[in-house]
Amino acid sequence: MKSPLLRRLAWALLTLAAAAPVDALAANKDRHVVLISLDGFPAYLWRDQTLALPNLRRLAAEGVVADAMTIANPSITWPNHTTLVTGVYPQKHGVLYNGLVVRGGLGKPNTIEPWADKAKLVRVPTVYDAAFHAGLTTAEIDWVAITRPGTINWSFAEIVDPTAVLPREMVAAGVATEKEILAVAEKKPVASANVEPPKRLNAAERDELWTRAASFVFTQHRPNLLMFHPLNTDGQHHRYGPGSPEGRTALELADQFVGTLVKAIDASGRRAQTTILVTTDHGFKKVEKFLYANVALKKAGHLRTAGATIAQCDAFAGTQGGIAMIYVTDPAKRAELVPKLNELFAATEGVAQVIDAATGAHAHGMPTPDENQGMGELILYPKAGYSFSAAAIGDAIVGPSVNYGGSHGYHSSDPELDGIFIAQGAGIRRGVKLERVRNLDVAPTIAHLLDVALPTADGKPMEHVLAGP
């Protein structure tokens, strides 16, 4: 087995090779691909014909639709969005949380940096890197793990830069107001007697603004690759649960946003040259109970708190709903503590599976702790109905969920974590229904459609989706 240093060097060489400029004439400058990811859209809800999804169902009827799309572990937003654009699992691309994991050191828990540079987060080339270096144009609207990538021509980020080209163009064109842009910016102006601070937009309002941004950038700039990621569906499913009235309404609203973007593509005059791919990052499961892994560690003497804060720990749990990773803060104590922690959690209520990451992570598409500092020593999966919480307050290891109806993170083999996949437009077959596809194959399929190389991908172009050579 390669050492971690040699492995990192190998990844760096592959990245340089794929990122090197290629013959721009080989890329298809006359083709556009629009990748839409509707966050947290389970395949089982897509199959519910009582949901009013006219725009999505029209795309599915005119193109290719899968009964299910297999996703990656961890079944979390950023890891799976990164698989969608790299064609590799987190074991290789390195994104394990919704941000960059920073180890806290001896006795301290980790922190997560959500807006770390893409170069620090993603260890392999992406399809948007490949497209950009092949001379094509790229755009992103609320994509993730994509901060300051250097390979995006037009960006409207989740935390928007008010000085960026696309937001300034939208304000100048009257498509967005200055107040709306500032309402989704990181830095807000200080309130004064003459200036009312902008009110933060709610999730549905942000999706609507992002839809305007996606429609505007396609109409005005016609990027060869546009990535668009609305979020409201995920938030409603977390709070109220998948299948709830609120969650169903969010899905139907997302369908309207897709319809708005499709109309903009139609109006651009480039519809015949455009491929639309609709995907998601993960499905959803209903939640009834919280499982407090850090309380279990506290009661076992591995963790101390000061109020609601972890003050000192030999081990702690990094939780992501349907998955938790257990970290040993002192590498010298790994051999001693890992077997004890394994035994502790194997006997804990609500825990379905305990995996030693050093020997078992690769089987689940994730790296070992030696390969990636963001990986815990143990991987925990809960039983159905349970979701992990990071809180360490009190003595209860299990309690009722509060203002929380659904989660993801559970193992990708769970059918409720399957996502949606629809493809329609240029280069896509018509009227085809498939049993299952993999999100691993989305990036290679995009690369094929744009005639760009993505040699680092483990996935393959979807031959059963593509129409001819």
Foldseek 3Di string as FASTA:
>chain_A
DDFLVVLLVVLVVQQCVLLAFDALVLWDQLFAEEEEAEAAFALVVVVPVVQPQVLQVVLCQFFEWASFAFFAPQLAAQQRLQLLFFLAHCQQQVAHYLAAWDFPFAFAHIDGDNQPALVRHTSHDTLLSLQQSSPFAEEEQQRGSHHPVVRHPYYQHQQGDCPGDLNVVCCVVVVDPPLQNLLRHPDWDDDDPVDDIRHRDDLLVSLLSSLSSLLVCCLPPVGRYYYYYRDPLVVQCFQANPPDPSNSVVVNSVSVSVVSSVVSCVVSVSQQNYKYKYKHSWHKAWAWKEFAVQLLCVVVPQFDADVFHTPGGQWAWDFAWQKIAIAGNDPVCCVVCVVVVLVSQVPDPFWDDKDQQQPPVVVRSHHRCSNHVVGHRIMTGGDGNYTYDRTNDDNDRMDTDDSTTMGGSHRSVPSSTTMIIGMHHPFFDTRHYHHYHYSSQNNQQSCVSRSTDSPVRPHHHDPNTGDDD
